């Protein structure tokens, strides 16, 4: 049964590599004991870092940002403090960097300022995946509730590879943020490894690349493609561009 396959592949919160990437065993022990962290960066990425940390049971005490226009305000209901306040009052706190572009400079600044406990996700693609994950997260309860619909969709698929991709995708969505599992899914789905690194995540719709660069979807003249979804038609535009280049 597909539901049993999905449930057997779900990764729990304390098993996912998001936690292991950010925290060593001692830090995670302190966090599970109730210690709150500070997120450096009060922009959109900082807010997304808050969401993924909260999803995994990590409490955030405040945000820090060097932008004077943000200091004194709030993000996600947490105060935004200055770097001066951070250095004066939070030197012993665990600081999580919630900035992508300048994280190396921020890490160097914090280290030079005497902070011993600073966590950052160095890999850009991994950083992007973790921050986007809460938008996709599904509950185990919802998966079980939809068991009949899942089985119906599974049985509509004609080939085993499509069924495997389907199971893997739903398993990831019901798990917690695990980058290794996501990469396994990408390989199974023929993620376009021939693309240059800068196009894989940030400059291209990489899901569209997966849709249209694989061995399962091969349309010929006269075939029809039904694009099911309700975003802004980006996948259809990607397909149109691909066809115009032929």
Protein backbone atom coordinates (compact mmCIF):
# COMPACT_ATOMS: atom_id res chain seq x y z
CA UNK A 1 0.00 0.00 0.00
CA UNK A 2 1.37 3.48 -0.86
CA UNK A 3 0.42 4.93 2.53
CA UNK A 4 2.59 2.35 4.30
CA UNK A 5 5.53 3.16 2.04
CA UNK A 6 5.14 6.88 2.77
CA UNK A 7 4.87 6.45 6.54
CA UNK A 8 7.90 4.14 6.66
CA UNK A 9 10.06 6.81 4.97
CA UNK A 10 9.09 9.81 7.08
CA UNK A 11 12.00 11.53 8.86
CA UNK A 12 11.27 12.86 12.35
CA UNK A 13 12.26 16.31 13.65
CA UNK A 14 15.25 15.14 15.71
CA UNK A 15 16.50 12.93 12.86
CA UNK A 16 16.54 15.47 10.01
CA UNK A 17 19.80 16.98 8.80
CA UNK A 18 18.55 20.56 9.29
CA UNK A 19 19.13 20.10 13.00
CA UNK A 20 22.50 18.39 12.54
CA UNK A 21 23.65 21.07 10.08
CA UNK A 22 22.95 23.94 12.45
CA UNK A 23 23.65 22.50 15.88
CA UNK A 24 26.19 20.21 17.43
CA UNK A 25 25.08 17.73 20.08
CA UNK A 26 25.72 20.08 23.02
CA UNK A 27 23.94 23.04 21.45
CA UNK A 28 20.96 20.91 20.56
CA UNK A 29 20.84 19.56 24.11
CA UNK A 30 20.70 23.14 25.43
CA UNK A 31 17.99 24.08 22.94
CA UNK A 32 15.87 21.07 23.85
CA UNK A 33 16.31 22.16 27.45
CA UNK A 34 14.65 25.48 26.67
CA UNK A 35 17.48 27.79 25.59
CA UNK A 36 16.38 30.39 23.02
CA UNK A 37 18.49 31.48 20.05
CA UNK A 38 19.08 34.80 18.32
CA UNK A 39 18.58 35.05 14.56
CA UNK A 40 20.96 37.46 12.85
CA UNK A 41 19.07 39.09 9.99
CA UNK A 42 15.60 40.62 10.10
CA UNK A 43 14.88 40.50 6.37
CA UNK A 44 12.79 37.97 4.45
CA UNK A 45 15.40 35.21 4.91
CA UNK A 46 15.52 35.89 8.64
CA UNK A 47 11.74 35.55 8.82
CA UNK A 48 11.92 32.28 6.92
CA UNK A 49 14.68 31.06 9.23
CA UNK A 50 12.33 31.80 12.12
CA UNK A 51 9.65 29.64 10.48
CA UNK A 52 11.90 26.64 9.90
CA UNK A 53 13.47 26.88 13.37
CA UNK A 54 10.02 27.09 14.98
CA UNK A 55 8.83 24.13 12.93
CA UNK A 56 11.65 22.08 14.45
CA UNK A 57 10.94 23.17 18.02
CA UNK A 58 13.63 25.84 18.36
CA UNK A 59 12.58 29.01 20.20
CA UNK A 60 13.78 32.41 18.98
CA UNK A 61 14.35 35.17 21.53
CA UNK A 62 14.97 38.05 19.11
CA UNK A 63 16.36 39.13 15.77
CA UNK A 64 19.45 41.26 15.20
CA UNK A 65 20.06 43.55 12.25
CA UNK A 66 22.48 46.37 11.45
CA UNK A 67 19.77 48.24 9.52
CA UNK A 68 18.84 51.12 11.83
CA UNK A 69 15.42 51.38 10.18
CA UNK A 70 14.54 47.91 11.43
CA UNK A 71 16.02 48.15 14.94
CA UNK A 72 13.36 48.72 17.57
CA UNK A 73 10.66 47.05 15.50
CA UNK A 74 9.44 43.47 15.48
CA UNK A 75 9.48 40.47 13.17
CA UNK A 76 7.30 37.44 13.78
CA UNK A 77 6.39 39.00 17.12
CA UNK A 78 10.03 39.10 18.25
CA UNK A 79 12.02 42.30 18.89
CA UNK A 80 14.75 43.43 16.49
CA UNK A 81 17.91 44.55 18.30
CA UNK A 82 21.02 46.36 17.08
CA UNK A 83 24.45 44.77 16.63
CA UNK A 84 25.62 46.93 19.55
CA UNK A 85 22.96 45.44 21.83
CA UNK A 86 23.78 41.97 20.56
CA UNK A 87 27.46 42.38 21.41
CA UNK A 88 26.76 43.91 24.81
CA UNK A 89 24.01 41.59 26.08
CA UNK A 90 23.95 38.36 24.09
CA UNK A 91 27.58 37.26 23.85
CA UNK A 92 26.82 33.85 25.39
CA UNK A 93 23.79 33.20 23.22
CA UNK A 94 23.71 30.85 20.26
CA UNK A 95 23.34 33.00 17.14
CA UNK A 96 21.86 31.56 13.94
CA UNK A 97 22.67 33.47 10.76
CA UNK A 98 19.51 34.09 8.76
CA UNK A 99 21.17 35.94 5.89
CA UNK A 100 22.28 34.47 2.59
CA UNK A 101 24.34 37.04 0.70
CA UNK A 102 26.61 38.34 3.47
CA UNK A 103 26.76 35.34 5.78
CA UNK A 104 30.56 34.98 5.48
CA UNK A 105 31.10 38.60 6.50
CA UNK A 106 28.57 38.28 9.35
CA UNK A 107 30.21 35.09 10.58
CA UNK A 108 33.61 36.81 10.59
CA UNK A 109 32.17 39.85 12.41
CA UNK A 110 30.60 37.69 15.12
CA UNK A 111 33.74 35.59 15.58
CA UNK A 112 35.90 38.72 15.83
CA UNK A 113 33.41 40.17 18.32
CA UNK A 114 33.91 37.24 20.67
CA UNK A 115 30.90 35.07 19.89
CA UNK A 116 31.75 31.41 20.37
CA UNK A 117 28.43 29.88 19.37
CA UNK A 118 27.46 30.85 15.84
CA UNK A 119 25.59 28.61 13.41
CA UNK A 120 25.31 29.11 9.66
CA UNK A 121 24.31 27.00 6.67
CA UNK A 122 27.21 27.36 4.26
CA UNK A 123 25.77 25.68 1.16
CA UNK A 124 23.48 28.12 -0.70
CA UNK A 125 21.22 25.46 -2.19
CA UNK A 126 20.86 23.80 1.20
CA UNK A 127 20.08 27.17 2.81
CA UNK A 128 17.40 27.85 0.18
CA UNK A 129 15.83 24.41 0.62
CA UNK A 130 15.58 24.68 4.40
CA UNK A 131 14.05 28.16 4.31
CA UNK A 132 11.45 27.16 1.73
CA UNK A 133 10.52 23.93 3.51
CA UNK A 134 7.81 25.23 5.92
CA UNK A 135 5.75 26.32 2.91
CA UNK A 136 5.59 22.72 1.70
CA UNK A 137 5.36 20.84 5.00
CA UNK A 138 2.43 18.49 5.29
CA UNK A 139 1.28 16.68 8.41
CA UNK A 140 1.30 12.95 8.92
CA UNK A 141 -2.33 13.29 9.99
CA UNK A 142 -3.22 14.86 6.64
CA UNK A 143 -1.43 12.07 4.76
CA UNK A 144 -3.39 9.43 6.69
CA UNK A 145 -6.63 11.34 6.21
CA UNK A 146 -6.06 11.37 2.44
CA UNK A 147 -5.08 7.70 2.25
CA UNK A 148 -7.85 6.79 -0.21
CA UNK A 149 -7.04 9.72 -2.53
CA UNK A 150 -3.33 8.92 -2.41
CA UNK A 151 -3.99 5.28 -3.31
CA UNK A 152 -6.25 6.36 -6.17
CA UNK A 153 -3.61 8.71 -7.59
CA UNK A 154 -0.89 6.08 -7.15
CA UNK A 155 -2.89 3.50 -9.08
CA UNK A 156 -3.44 5.89 -11.97
CA UNK A 157 0.28 5.86 -12.74
CA UNK A 158 1.36 3.47 -15.45
CA UNK A 159 5.06 3.03 -14.65
CA UNK A 160 6.95 2.16 -11.48
CA UNK A 161 9.31 5.12 -11.67
CA UNK A 162 6.41 7.59 -11.54
CA UNK A 163 5.04 5.72 -8.54
CA UNK A 164 8.43 5.83 -6.81
CA UNK A 165 8.71 9.59 -7.41
CA UNK A 166 5.19 10.08 -6.06
CA UNK A 167 5.96 8.13 -2.87
CA UNK A 168 9.28 9.92 -2.38
CA UNK A 169 7.71 13.34 -2.80
CA UNK A 170 4.92 12.72 -0.30
CA UNK A 171 7.40 11.18 2.15
CA UNK A 172 9.53 14.35 1.99
CA UNK A 173 6.54 16.63 2.49
CA UNK A 174 5.43 14.70 5.56
CA UNK A 175 8.98 14.60 6.98
CA UNK A 176 10.97 17.40 8.57
CA UNK A 177 13.61 19.36 6.66
CA UNK A 178 16.15 16.85 5.39
CA UNK A 179 18.34 18.05 2.54
CA UNK A 180 19.83 14.62 1.83
CA UNK A 181 16.38 13.17 1.21
CA UNK A 182 15.54 16.08 -1.06
CA UNK A 183 18.69 15.46 -3.11
CA UNK A 184 17.78 11.77 -3.40
CA UNK A 185 14.39 12.83 -4.68
CA UNK A 186 16.05 15.15 -7.21
CA UNK A 187 18.20 12.28 -8.51
CA UNK A 188 15.18 10.03 -8.77
CA UNK A 189 13.33 12.78 -10.64
CA UNK A 190 16.33 13.41 -12.92
CA UNK A 191 17.22 16.80 -11.51
CA UNK A 192 19.22 18.44 -14.32
CA UNK A 193 22.77 18.00 -13.09
CA UNK A 194 24.11 19.37 -16.37
CA UNK A 195 22.90 22.86 -15.51
CA UNK A 196 25.51 25.26 -14.08
CA UNK A 197 25.27 25.75 -10.33
CA UNK A 198 24.01 29.33 -10.59
CA UNK A 199 20.94 28.17 -12.56
CA UNK A 200 19.96 25.25 -10.40
CA UNK A 201 18.22 27.23 -7.70
CA UNK A 202 18.47 30.97 -7.94
CA UNK A 203 18.16 31.89 -11.62
CA UNK A 204 15.80 29.25 -12.94
CA UNK A 205 12.60 27.44 -12.14
CA UNK A 206 14.38 24.23 -11.25
CA UNK A 207 11.16 22.26 -10.87
CA UNK A 208 10.28 23.14 -14.46
CA UNK A 209 13.72 21.90 -15.48
CA UNK A 210 12.90 18.61 -13.75
CA UNK A 211 9.53 18.40 -15.44
CA UNK A 212 10.89 18.83 -18.94
CA UNK A 213 14.28 17.12 -18.80
CA UNK A 214 13.45 13.52 -18.03
CA UNK A 215 12.81 10.19 -19.68
CA UNK A 216 9.11 10.01 -18.77
CA UNK A 217 7.72 13.14 -20.44
CA UNK A 218 8.55 13.10 -24.13
CA UNK A 219 5.90 14.81 -26.24
CA UNK A 220 5.74 14.65 -30.00
CA UNK A 221 3.82 16.80 -32.47
CA UNK A 222 0.09 16.50 -31.90
CA UNK A 223 0.34 15.46 -28.24
CA UNK A 224 -1.32 17.53 -25.51
CA UNK A 225 0.17 18.65 -22.21
CA UNK A 226 -2.08 19.46 -19.25
CA UNK A 227 -0.31 21.71 -16.72
CA UNK A 228 -2.08 21.17 -13.38
CA UNK A 229 -1.39 23.90 -10.85
CA UNK A 230 -2.43 27.35 -9.75
CA UNK A 231 0.66 29.55 -9.52
CA UNK A 232 1.36 31.91 -12.42
CA UNK A 233 1.89 29.59 -15.36
CA UNK A 234 5.67 29.55 -14.98
CA UNK A 235 5.97 25.87 -15.91
CA UNK A 236 3.99 26.45 -19.09
CA UNK A 237 6.24 29.37 -20.01
CA UNK A 238 9.32 27.22 -19.44
CA UNK A 239 7.86 24.54 -21.72
CA UNK A 240 7.00 27.11 -24.41
CA UNK A 241 10.56 28.48 -24.32
CA UNK A 242 11.97 24.97 -24.55
CA UNK A 243 9.81 24.13 -27.58
CA UNK A 244 10.68 27.40 -29.36
CA UNK A 245 14.37 26.56 -29.15
CA UNK A 246 13.89 23.30 -31.05
